[in-house]
Amino acid sequence: MKDFDTGDRASILRRIIDRVLHGPGHLDPAVRQAAARGEASGPLGAYVQKVALHAYRVTDEDIDALRAAGHSEDQIFEITVSTALGQGLRRRERTLAALRGETCD
């Protein structure tokens, strides 16, 4: 089986991760990185957990609460993308481990 972590796909994935988590934005990169790890705190913490575990349950009220806490649309977008990226990467790693015959916690 072809290794999924080599070649063009791996390069593209690294660039996406770098741009989302380390590139310029409206949120501090440390906040975006924490969201990707599922570790955000404050008003963003509950939202990050909801996006990470139950994205389909995010409502307009969740977004309104973040706005009321002083977050802009751009910041909300960035925290959402960072969280989704982190969850996607975790799921990818678990899938690749399963394909290699490894067990996951």
PDB file of N, CA and C in Angstrom:
ATOM      1  N   MET A   1       0.838  -1.171   0.000  1.00  0.00           N
ATOM      2  CA  MET A   1       0.000   0.000   0.000  1.00  0.00           C
ATOM      3  C   MET A   1       0.890   1.243   0.000  1.00  0.00           C
ATOM      4  N   LYS A   2       0.489   2.223  -0.765  1.00  0.00           N
ATOM      5  CA  LYS A   2       1.257   3.463  -0.849  1.00  0.00           C
ATOM      6  C   LYS A   2       1.173   4.209   0.478  1.00  0.00           C
ATOM      7  N   ASP A   3       2.302   4.752   0.903  1.00  0.00           N
ATOM      8  CA  ASP A   3       2.351   5.514   2.146  1.00  0.00           C
ATOM      9  C   ASP A   3       1.641   6.848   1.954  1.00  0.00           C
ATOM     10  N   PHE A   4       0.672   7.132   2.811  1.00  0.00           N
ATOM     11  CA  PHE A   4      -0.114   8.359   2.691  1.00  0.00           C
ATOM     12  C   PHE A   4       0.639   9.587   3.198  1.00  0.00           C
ATOM     13  N   ASP A   5       1.776   9.402   3.839  1.00  0.00           N
ATOM     14  CA  ASP A   5       2.502  10.525   4.414  1.00  0.00           C
ATOM     15  C   ASP A   5       3.692  10.949   3.572  1.00  0.00           C
ATOM     16  N   THR A   6       3.725  10.575   2.311  1.00  0.00           N
ATOM     17  CA  THR A   6       4.822  10.980   1.446  1.00  0.00           C
ATOM     18  C   THR A   6       4.266  11.652   0.198  1.00  0.00           C
ATOM     19  N   GLY A   7       5.132  12.332  -0.504  1.00  0.00           N
ATOM     20  CA  GLY A   7       4.754  12.905  -1.793  1.00  0.00           C
ATOM     21  C   GLY A   7       3.980  14.197  -1.678  1.00  0.00           C
ATOM     22  N   ASP A   8       3.292  14.504  -2.754  1.00  0.00           N
ATOM     23  CA  ASP A   8       2.585  15.772  -2.877  1.00  0.00           C
ATOM     24  C   ASP A   8       1.505  15.962  -1.819  1.00  0.00           C
ATOM     25  N   ARG A   9       0.759  14.900  -1.499  1.00  0.00           N
ATOM     26  CA  ARG A   9      -0.309  15.037  -0.512  1.00  0.00           C
ATOM     27  C   ARG A   9       0.229  15.469   0.835  1.00  0.00           C
ATOM     28  N   ALA A  10       1.343  14.886   1.233  1.00  0.00           N
ATOM     29  CA  ALA A  10       1.946  15.253   2.519  1.00  0.00           C
ATOM     30  C   ALA A  10       2.411  16.703   2.501  1.00  0.00           C
ATOM     31  N   SER A  11       2.970  17.138   1.403  1.00  0.00           N
ATOM     32  CA  SER A  11       3.426  18.525   1.280  1.00  0.00           C
ATOM     33  C   SER A  11       2.253  19.492   1.353  1.00  0.00           C
ATOM     34  N   ILE A  12       1.186  19.162   0.674  1.00  0.00           N
ATOM     35  CA  ILE A  12      -0.008  20.004   0.693  1.00  0.00           C
ATOM     36  C   ILE A  12      -0.587  20.051   2.102  1.00  0.00           C
ATOM     37  N   LEU A  13      -0.661  18.904   2.750  1.00  0.00           N
ATOM     38  CA  LEU A  13      -1.193  18.851   4.108  1.00  0.00           C
ATOM     39  C   LEU A  13      -0.348  19.687   5.065  1.00  0.00           C
ATOM     40  N   ARG A  14       0.960  19.594   4.966  1.00  0.00           N
ATOM     41  CA  ARG A  14       1.837  20.402   5.825  1.00  0.00           C
ATOM     42  C   ARG A  14       1.609  21.898   5.597  1.00  0.00           C
ATOM     43  N   ARG A  15       1.418  22.292   4.338  1.00  0.00           N
ATOM     44  CA  ARG A  15       1.174  23.713   4.040  1.00  0.00           C
ATOM     45  C   ARG A  15      -0.168  24.176   4.607  1.00  0.00           C
ATOM     46  N   ILE A  16      -1.178  23.334   4.515  1.00  0.00           N
ATOM     47  CA  ILE A  16      -2.489  23.682   5.073  1.00  0.00           C
ATOM     48  C   ILE A  16      -2.384  23.859   6.581  1.00  0.00           C
ATOM     49  N   ILE A  17      -1.748  22.906   7.241  1.00  0.00           N
ATOM     50  CA  ILE A  17      -1.583  22.988   8.691  1.00  0.00           C
ATOM     51  C   ILE A  17      -0.832  24.255   9.071  1.00  0.00           C
ATOM     52  N   ASP A  18       0.242  24.530   8.358  1.00  0.00           N
ATOM     53  CA  ASP A  18       1.044  25.715   8.653  1.00  0.00           C
ATOM     54  C   ASP A  18       0.228  26.990   8.491  1.00  0.00           C
ATOM     55  N   ARG A  19      -0.514  27.097   7.416  1.00  0.00           N
ATOM     56  CA  ARG A  19      -1.295  28.317   7.164  1.00  0.00           C
ATOM     57  C   ARG A  19      -2.387  28.508   8.208  1.00  0.00           C
ATOM     58  N   VAL A  20      -3.109  27.426   8.508  1.00  0.00           N
ATOM     59  CA  VAL A  20      -4.228  27.541   9.446  1.00  0.00           C
ATOM     60  C   VAL A  20      -3.736  27.821  10.863  1.00  0.00           C
ATOM     61  N   LEU A  21      -2.723  27.119  11.297  1.00  0.00           N
ATOM     62  CA  LEU A  21      -2.315  27.195  12.700  1.00  0.00           C
ATOM     63  C   LEU A  21      -1.206  28.196  12.993  1.00  0.00           C
ATOM     64  N   HIS A  22      -0.428  28.572  11.974  1.00  0.00           N
ATOM     65  CA  HIS A  22       0.714  29.445  12.219  1.00  0.00           C
ATOM     66  C   HIS A  22       0.695  30.722  11.386  1.00  0.00           C
ATOM     67  N   GLY A  23      -0.134  30.771  10.372  1.00  0.00           N
ATOM     68  CA  GLY A  23      -0.149  31.914   9.460  1.00  0.00           C
ATOM     69  C   GLY A  23      -0.842  33.125  10.050  1.00  0.00           C
ATOM     70  N   PRO A  24      -0.841  34.205   9.290  1.00  0.00           N
ATOM     71  CA  PRO A  24      -1.515  35.422   9.760  1.00  0.00           C
ATOM     72  C   PRO A  24      -3.013  35.186   9.888  1.00  0.00           C
ATOM     73  N   GLY A  25      -3.604  35.903  10.811  1.00  0.00           N
ATOM     74  CA  GLY A  25      -5.040  35.763  11.013  1.00  0.00           C
ATOM     75  C   GLY A  25      -5.543  36.781  12.014  1.00  0.00           C
ATOM     76  N   HIS A  26      -6.784  36.625  12.395  1.00  0.00           N
ATOM     77  CA  HIS A  26      -7.415  37.532  13.347  1.00  0.00           C
ATOM     78  C   HIS A  26      -7.330  37.013  14.769  1.00  0.00           C
ATOM     79  N   LEU A  27      -6.943  35.761  14.929  1.00  0.00           N
ATOM     80  CA  LEU A  27      -6.698  35.170  16.243  1.00  0.00           C
ATOM     81  C   LEU A  27      -5.218  34.885  16.383  1.00  0.00           C
ATOM     82  N   ASP A  28      -4.722  35.016  17.584  1.00  0.00           N
ATOM     83  CA  ASP A  28      -3.330  34.672  17.864  1.00  0.00           C
ATOM     84  C   ASP A  28      -3.092  33.208  17.458  1.00  0.00           C
ATOM     85  N   PRO A  29      -1.973  32.924  16.799  1.00  0.00           N
ATOM     86  CA  PRO A  29      -1.685  31.531  16.413  1.00  0.00           C
ATOM     87  C   PRO A  29      -1.715  30.573  17.603  1.00  0.00           C
ATOM     88  N   ALA A  30      -1.335  31.022  18.787  1.00  0.00           N
ATOM     89  CA  ALA A  30      -1.372  30.141  19.965  1.00  0.00           C
ATOM     90  C   ALA A  30      -2.803  29.709  20.285  1.00  0.00           C
ATOM     91  N   VAL A  31      -3.764  30.588  20.065  1.00  0.00           N
ATOM     92  CA  VAL A  31      -5.172  30.256  20.301  1.00  0.00           C
ATOM     93  C   VAL A  31      -5.637  29.248  19.264  1.00  0.00           C
ATOM     94  N   ARG A  32      -5.251  29.453  18.006  1.00  0.00           N
ATOM     95  CA  ARG A  32      -5.631  28.512  16.946  1.00  0.00           C
ATOM     96  C   ARG A  32      -5.014  27.139  17.196  1.00  0.00           C
ATOM     97  N   GLN A  33      -3.759  27.121  17.640  1.00  0.00           N
ATOM     98  CA  GLN A  33      -3.085  25.853  17.920  1.00  0.00           C
ATOM     99  C   GLN A  33      -3.753  25.131  19.092  1.00  0.00           C
ATOM    100  N   ALA A  34      -4.127  25.881  20.126  1.00  0.00           N
ATOM    101  CA  ALA A  34      -4.821  25.282  21.266  1.00  0.00           C
ATOM    102  C   ALA A  34      -6.160  24.693  20.822  1.00  0.00           C
ATOM    103  N   ALA A  35      -6.870  25.398  19.961  1.00  0.00           N
ATOM    104  CA  ALA A  35      -8.151  24.898  19.454  1.00  0.00           C
ATOM    105  C   ALA A  35      -7.948  23.603  18.674  1.00  0.00           C
ATOM    106  N   ALA A  36      -6.894  23.543  17.895  1.00  0.00           N
ATOM    107  CA  ALA A  36      -6.615  22.326  17.121  1.00  0.00           C
ATOM    108  C   ALA A  36      -6.339  21.141  18.046  1.00  0.00           C
ATOM    109  N   ARG A  37      -5.772  21.426  19.220  1.00  0.00           N
ATOM    110  CA  ARG A  37      -5.526  20.370  20.209  1.00  0.00           C
ATOM    111  C   ARG A  37      -6.755  20.111  21.074  1.00  0.00           C
ATOM    112  N   GLY A  38      -7.801  20.942  20.929  1.00  0.00           N
ATOM    113  CA  GLY A  38      -9.000  20.824  21.746  1.00  0.00           C
ATOM    114  C   GLY A  38      -8.819  21.398  23.134  1.00  0.00           C
ATOM    115  N   GLU A  39      -7.907  22.374  23.269  1.00  0.00           N
ATOM    116  CA  GLU A  39      -7.545  22.900  24.580  1.00  0.00           C
ATOM    117  C   GLU A  39      -7.879  24.371  24.784  1.00  0.00           C
ATOM    118  N   ALA A  40      -8.738  24.948  24.019  1.00  0.00           N
ATOM    119  CA  ALA A  40      -9.065  26.364  24.183  1.00  0.00           C
ATOM    120  C   ALA A  40      -9.787  26.574  25.511  1.00  0.00           C
ATOM    121  N   SER A  41      -9.672  27.794  26.049  1.00  0.00           N
ATOM    122  CA  SER A  41     -10.315  28.087  27.329  1.00  0.00           C
ATOM    123  C   SER A  41     -11.230  29.290  27.185  1.00  0.00           C
ATOM    124  N   GLY A  42     -11.891  29.621  28.262  1.00  0.00           N
ATOM    125  CA  GLY A  42     -12.799  30.753  28.251  1.00  0.00           C
ATOM    126  C   GLY A  42     -14.014  30.481  27.378  1.00  0.00           C
ATOM    127  N   PRO A  43     -14.626  31.550  26.854  1.00  0.00           N
ATOM    128  CA  PRO A  43     -15.824  31.375  26.034  1.00  0.00           C
ATOM    129  C   PRO A  43     -15.565  30.480  24.816  1.00  0.00           C
ATOM    130  N   LEU A  44     -14.333  30.510  24.324  1.00  0.00           N
ATOM    131  CA  LEU A  44     -14.015  29.673  23.166  1.00  0.00           C
ATOM    132  C   LEU A  44     -13.930  28.193  23.522  1.00  0.00           C
ATOM    133  N   GLY A  45     -13.614  27.890  24.773  1.00  0.00           N
ATOM    134  CA  GLY A  45     -13.423  26.498  25.181  1.00  0.00           C
ATOM    135  C   GLY A  45     -14.644  25.621  24.953  1.00  0.00           C
ATOM    136  N   ALA A  46     -15.798  26.089  25.406  1.00  0.00           N
ATOM    137  CA  ALA A  46     -17.032  25.308  25.220  1.00  0.00           C
ATOM    138  C   ALA A  46     -17.364  25.159  23.744  1.00  0.00           C
ATOM    139  N   TYR A  47     -17.137  26.228  22.989  1.00  0.00           N
ATOM    140  CA  TYR A  47     -17.410  26.171  21.546  1.00  0.00           C
ATOM    141  C   TYR A  47     -16.481  25.175  20.865  1.00  0.00           C
ATOM    142  N   VAL A  48     -15.199  25.212  21.218  1.00  0.00           N
ATOM    143  CA  VAL A  48     -14.230  24.278  20.628  1.00  0.00           C
ATOM    144  C   VAL A  48     -14.641  22.838  20.927  1.00  0.00           C
ATOM    145  N   GLN A  49     -15.033  22.567  22.157  1.00  0.00           N
ATOM    146  CA  GLN A  49     -15.455  21.211  22.499  1.00  0.00           C
ATOM    147  C   GLN A  49     -16.691  20.794  21.698  1.00  0.00           C
ATOM    148  N   LYS A  50     -17.615  21.715  21.524  1.00  0.00           N
ATOM    149  CA  LYS A  50     -18.829  21.397  20.768  1.00  0.00           C
ATOM    150  C   LYS A  50     -18.498  21.114  19.310  1.00  0.00           C
ATOM    151  N   VAL A  51     -17.654  21.946  18.707  1.00  0.00           N
ATOM    152  CA  VAL A  51     -17.268  21.728  17.310  1.00  0.00           C
ATOM    153  C   VAL A  51     -16.505  20.400  17.190  1.00  0.00           C
ATOM    154  N   ALA A  52     -15.612  20.140  18.129  1.00  0.00           N
ATOM    155  CA  ALA A  52     -14.785  18.935  18.066  1.00  0.00           C
ATOM    156  C   ALA A  52     -15.604  17.657  18.209  1.00  0.00           C
ATOM    157  N   LEU A  53     -16.578  17.681  19.096  1.00  0.00           N
ATOM    158  CA  LEU A  53     -17.304  16.448  19.404  1.00  0.00           C
ATOM    159  C   LEU A  53     -18.682  16.345  18.771  1.00  0.00           C
ATOM    160  N   HIS A  54     -19.327  17.493  18.550  1.00  0.00           N
ATOM    161  CA  HIS A  54     -20.710  17.477  18.056  1.00  0.00           C
ATOM    162  C   HIS A  54     -20.960  18.663  17.129  1.00  0.00           C
ATOM    163  N   ALA A  55     -20.186  18.785  16.086  1.00  0.00           N
ATOM    164  CA  ALA A  55     -20.287  19.947  15.196  1.00  0.00           C
ATOM    165  C   ALA A  55     -21.698  20.155  14.663  1.00  0.00           C
ATOM    166  N   TYR A  56     -22.424  19.087  14.482  1.00  0.00           N
ATOM    167  CA  TYR A  56     -23.775  19.190  13.946  1.00  0.00           C
ATOM    168  C   TYR A  56     -24.734  19.869  14.932  1.00  0.00           C
ATOM    169  N   ARG A  57     -24.306  20.044  16.182  1.00  0.00           N
ATOM    170  CA  ARG A  57     -25.145  20.689  17.190  1.00  0.00           C
ATOM    171  C   ARG A  57     -24.874  22.186  17.352  1.00  0.00           C
ATOM    172  N   VAL A  58     -23.915  22.720  16.621  1.00  0.00           N
ATOM    173  CA  VAL A  58     -23.621  24.149  16.711  1.00  0.00           C
ATOM    174  C   VAL A  58     -24.821  24.930  16.177  1.00  0.00           C
ATOM    175  N   THR A  59     -25.234  25.915  16.947  1.00  0.00           N
ATOM    176  CA  THR A  59     -26.422  26.699  16.586  1.00  0.00           C
ATOM    177  C   THR A  59     -26.061  28.179  16.433  1.00  0.00           C
ATOM    178  N   ASP A  60     -27.027  28.921  15.933  1.00  0.00           N
ATOM    179  CA  ASP A  60     -26.858  30.375  15.848  1.00  0.00           C
ATOM    180  C   ASP A  60     -26.607  30.972  17.232  1.00  0.00           C
ATOM    181  N   GLU A  61     -27.211  30.381  18.247  1.00  0.00           N
ATOM    182  CA  GLU A  61     -27.025  30.878  19.609  1.00  0.00           C
ATOM    183  C   GLU A  61     -25.565  30.735  20.058  1.00  0.00           C
ATOM    184  N   ASP A  62     -24.906  29.656  19.644  1.00  0.00           N
ATOM    185  CA  ASP A  62     -23.485  29.486  19.980  1.00  0.00           C
ATOM    186  C   ASP A  62     -22.649  30.599  19.359  1.00  0.00           C
ATOM    187  N   ILE A  63     -22.942  30.902  18.114  1.00  0.00           N
ATOM    188  CA  ILE A  63     -22.211  31.954  17.410  1.00  0.00           C
ATOM    189  C   ILE A  63     -22.522  33.314  18.038  1.00  0.00           C
ATOM    190  N   ASP A  64     -23.792  33.539  18.359  1.00  0.00           N
ATOM    191  CA  ASP A  64     -24.189  34.799  19.003  1.00  0.00           C
ATOM    192  C   ASP A  64     -23.474  34.976  20.341  1.00  0.00           C
ATOM    193  N   ALA A  65     -23.303  33.901  21.095  1.00  0.00           N
ATOM    194  CA  ALA A  65     -22.614  33.986  22.391  1.00  0.00           C
ATOM    195  C   ALA A  65     -21.152  34.386  22.198  1.00  0.00           C
ATOM    196  N   LEU A  66     -20.522  33.858  21.153  1.00  0.00           N
ATOM    197  CA  LEU A  66     -19.137  34.239  20.879  1.00  0.00           C
ATOM    198  C   LEU A  66     -19.052  35.700  20.458  1.00  0.00           C
ATOM    199  N   ARG A  67     -20.012  36.137  19.645  1.00  0.00           N
ATOM    200  CA  ARG A  67     -20.047  37.550  19.259  1.00  0.00           C
ATOM    201  C   ARG A  67     -20.236  38.432  20.482  1.00  0.00           C
ATOM    202  N   ALA A  68     -21.137  38.020  21.380  1.00  0.00           N
ATOM    203  CA  ALA A  68     -21.398  38.795  22.597  1.00  0.00           C
ATOM    204  C   ALA A  68     -20.159  38.849  23.492  1.00  0.00           C
ATOM    205  N   ALA A  69     -19.314  37.833  23.407  1.00  0.00           N
ATOM    206  CA  ALA A  69     -18.069  37.808  24.183  1.00  0.00           C
ATOM    207  C   ALA A  69     -16.976  38.644  23.521  1.00  0.00           C
ATOM    208  N   GLY A  70     -17.306  39.240  22.358  1.00  0.00           N
ATOM    209  CA  GLY A  70     -16.362  40.144  21.711  1.00  0.00           C
ATOM    210  C   GLY A  70     -15.587  39.570  20.548  1.00  0.00           C
ATOM    211  N   HIS A  71     -15.953  38.389  20.082  1.00  0.00           N
ATOM    212  CA  HIS A  71     -15.237  37.767  18.955  1.00  0.00           C
ATOM    213  C   HIS A  71     -15.865  38.173  17.629  1.00  0.00           C
ATOM    214  N   SER A  72     -15.019  38.459  16.667  1.00  0.00           N
ATOM    215  CA  SER A  72     -15.485  38.847  15.332  1.00  0.00           C
ATOM    216  C   SER A  72     -15.842  37.607  14.512  1.00  0.00           C
ATOM    217  N   GLU A  73     -16.516  37.850  13.403  1.00  0.00           N
ATOM    218  CA  GLU A  73     -16.850  36.756  12.476  1.00  0.00           C
ATOM    219  C   GLU A  73     -15.583  36.041  12.013  1.00  0.00           C
ATOM    220  N   ASP A  74     -14.538  36.809  11.707  1.00  0.00           N
ATOM    221  CA  ASP A  74     -13.280  36.214  11.257  1.00  0.00           C
ATOM    222  C   ASP A  74     -12.664  35.339  12.343  1.00  0.00           C
ATOM    223  N   GLN A  75     -12.703  35.790  13.577  1.00  0.00           N
ATOM    224  CA  GLN A  75     -12.153  34.996  14.679  1.00  0.00           C
ATOM    225  C   GLN A  75     -12.953  33.711  14.876  1.00  0.00           C
ATOM    226  N   ILE A  76     -14.260  33.803  14.791  1.00  0.00           N
ATOM    227  CA  ILE A  76     -15.108  32.618  14.926  1.00  0.00           C
ATOM    228  C   ILE A  76     -14.820  31.631  13.803  1.00  0.00           C
ATOM    229  N   PHE A  77     -14.670  32.141  12.598  1.00  0.00           N
ATOM    230  CA  PHE A  77     -14.320  31.274  11.465  1.00  0.00           C
ATOM    231  C   PHE A  77     -12.984  30.577  11.722  1.00  0.00           C
ATOM    232  N   GLU A  78     -11.984  31.340  12.159  1.00  0.00           N
ATOM    233  CA  GLU A  78     -10.651  30.768  12.379  1.00  0.00           C
ATOM    234  C   GLU A  78     -10.656  29.708  13.484  1.00  0.00           C
ATOM    235  N   ILE A  79     -11.397  29.940  14.549  1.00  0.00           N
ATOM    236  CA  ILE A  79     -11.438  28.958  15.633  1.00  0.00           C
ATOM    237  C   ILE A  79     -12.169  27.701  15.170  1.00  0.00           C
ATOM    238  N   THR A  80     -13.186  27.877  14.336  1.00  0.00           N
ATOM    239  CA  THR A  80     -13.924  26.730  13.812  1.00  0.00           C
ATOM    240  C   THR A  80     -13.036  25.897  12.898  1.00  0.00           C
ATOM    241  N   VAL A  81     -12.337  26.543  11.984  1.00  0.00           N
ATOM    242  CA  VAL A  81     -11.460  25.830  11.049  1.00  0.00           C
ATOM    243  C   VAL A  81     -10.314  25.148  11.800  1.00  0.00           C
ATOM    244  N   SER A  82      -9.734  25.834  12.771  1.00  0.00           N
ATOM    245  CA  SER A  82      -8.625  25.252  13.536  1.00  0.00           C
ATOM    246  C   SER A  82      -9.076  24.010  14.295  1.00  0.00           C
ATOM    247  N   THR A  83     -10.248  24.099  14.904  1.00  0.00           N
ATOM    248  CA  THR A  83     -10.785  22.957  15.643  1.00  0.00           C
ATOM    249  C   THR A  83     -11.070  21.792  14.702  1.00  0.00           C
ATOM    250  N   ALA A  84     -11.715  22.081  13.588  1.00  0.00           N
ATOM    251  CA  ALA A  84     -12.037  21.026  12.622  1.00  0.00           C
ATOM    252  C   ALA A  84     -10.770  20.392  12.057  1.00  0.00           C
ATOM    253  N   LEU A  85      -9.766  21.195  11.786  1.00  0.00           N
ATOM    254  CA  LEU A  85      -8.500  20.668  11.286  1.00  0.00           C
ATOM    255  C   LEU A  85      -7.880  19.729  12.312  1.00  0.00           C
ATOM    256  N   GLY A  86      -7.832  20.141  13.556  1.00  0.00           N
ATOM    257  CA  GLY A  86      -7.265  19.288  14.600  1.00  0.00           C
ATOM    258  C   GLY A  86      -7.998  17.968  14.719  1.00  0.00           C
ATOM    259  N   GLN A  87      -9.315  18.019  14.704  1.00  0.00           N
ATOM    260  CA  GLN A  87     -10.102  16.779  14.789  1.00  0.00           C
ATOM    261  C   GLN A  87      -9.875  15.902  13.563  1.00  0.00           C
ATOM    262  N   GLY A  88      -9.832  16.515  12.410  1.00  0.00           N
ATOM    263  CA  GLY A  88      -9.585  15.751  11.188  1.00  0.00           C
ATOM    264  C   GLY A  88      -8.230  15.068  11.204  1.00  0.00           C
ATOM    265  N   LEU A  89      -7.222  15.769  11.699  1.00  0.00           N
ATOM    266  CA  LEU A  89      -5.885  15.174  11.777  1.00  0.00           C
ATOM    267  C   LEU A  89      -5.845  14.018  12.765  1.00  0.00           C
ATOM    268  N   ARG A  90      -6.546  14.161  13.900  1.00  0.00           N
ATOM    269  CA  ARG A  90      -6.598  13.050  14.864  1.00  0.00           C
ATOM    270  C   ARG A  90      -7.284  11.830  14.254  1.00  0.00           C
ATOM    271  N   ARG A  91      -8.364  12.068  13.555  1.00  0.00           N
ATOM    272  CA  ARG A  91      -9.080  10.944  12.917  1.00  0.00           C
ATOM    273  C   ARG A  91      -8.222  10.300  11.830  1.00  0.00           C
ATOM    274  N   ARG A  92      -7.505  11.117  11.100  1.00  0.00           N
ATOM    275  CA  ARG A  92      -6.601  10.599  10.062  1.00  0.00           C
ATOM    276  C   ARG A  92      -5.537   9.707  10.679  1.00  0.00           C
ATOM    277  N   GLU A  93      -4.928  10.173  11.768  1.00  0.00           N
ATOM    278  CA  GLU A  93      -3.890   9.379  12.429  1.00  0.00           C
ATOM    279  C   GLU A  93      -4.438   8.063  12.950  1.00  0.00           C
ATOM    280  N   ARG A  94      -5.628   8.094  13.511  1.00  0.00           N
ATOM    281  CA  ARG A  94      -6.243   6.854  14.009  1.00  0.00           C
ATOM    282  C   ARG A  94      -6.530   5.886  12.856  1.00  0.00           C
ATOM    283  N   THR A  95      -6.984   6.422  11.732  1.00  0.00           N
ATOM    284  CA  THR A  95      -7.262   5.589  10.565  1.00  0.00           C
ATOM    285  C   THR A  95      -5.984   4.965  10.030  1.00  0.00           C
ATOM    286  N   LEU A  96      -4.925   5.764   9.900  1.00  0.00           N
ATOM    287  CA  LEU A  96      -3.650   5.240   9.409  1.00  0.00           C
ATOM    288  C   LEU A  96      -3.091   4.188  10.367  1.00  0.00           C
ATOM    289  N   ALA A  97      -3.249   4.413  11.660  1.00  0.00           N
ATOM    290  CA  ALA A  97      -2.790   3.424  12.646  1.00  0.00           C
ATOM    291  C   ALA A  97      -3.568   2.116  12.475  1.00  0.00           C
ATOM    292  N   ALA A  98      -4.863   2.220  12.265  1.00  0.00           N
ATOM    293  CA  ALA A  98      -5.677   1.025  12.067  1.00  0.00           C
ATOM    294  C   ALA A  98      -5.252   0.283  10.798  1.00  0.00           C
ATOM    295  N   LEU A  99      -4.965   1.012   9.746  1.00  0.00           N
ATOM    296  CA  LEU A  99      -4.505   0.376   8.496  1.00  0.00           C
ATOM    297  C   LEU A  99      -3.159  -0.336   8.691  1.00  0.00           C
ATOM    298  N   ARG A 100      -2.349   0.170   9.613  1.00  0.00           N
ATOM    299  CA  ARG A 100      -1.070  -0.472   9.921  1.00  0.00           C
ATOM    300  C   ARG A 100      -1.235  -1.624  10.908  1.00  0.00           C
ATOM    301  N   GLY A 101      -2.452  -1.812  11.412  1.00  0.00           N
ATOM    302  CA  GLY A 101      -2.713  -2.886  12.352  1.00  0.00           C
ATOM    303  C   GLY A 101      -2.430  -2.520  13.789  1.00  0.00           C
ATOM    304  N   GLU A 102      -2.266  -1.231  14.059  1.00  0.00           N
ATOM    305  CA  GLU A 102      -2.005  -0.773  15.416  1.00  0.00           C
ATOM    306  C   GLU A 102      -3.321  -0.554  16.143  1.00  0.00           C
ATOM    307  N   THR A 103      -3.290  -0.659  17.460  1.00  0.00           N
ATOM    308  CA  THR A 103      -4.488  -0.385  18.251  1.00  0.00           C
ATOM    309  C   THR A 103      -4.450   1.061  18.717  1.00  0.00           C
ATOM    310  N   CYS A 104      -5.620   1.635  18.915  1.00  0.00           N
ATOM    311  CA  CYS A 104      -5.745   3.019  19.358  1.00  0.00           C
ATOM    312  C   CYS A 104      -6.382   3.042  20.738  1.00  0.00           C
ATOM    313  N   ASP A 105      -6.060   4.083  21.485  1.00  0.00           N
ATOM    314  CA  ASP A 105      -6.656   4.251  22.818  1.00  0.00           C
ATOM    315  C   ASP A 105      -8.067   4.719  22.694  1.00  0.00           C
TER     316      ASP A 105
END
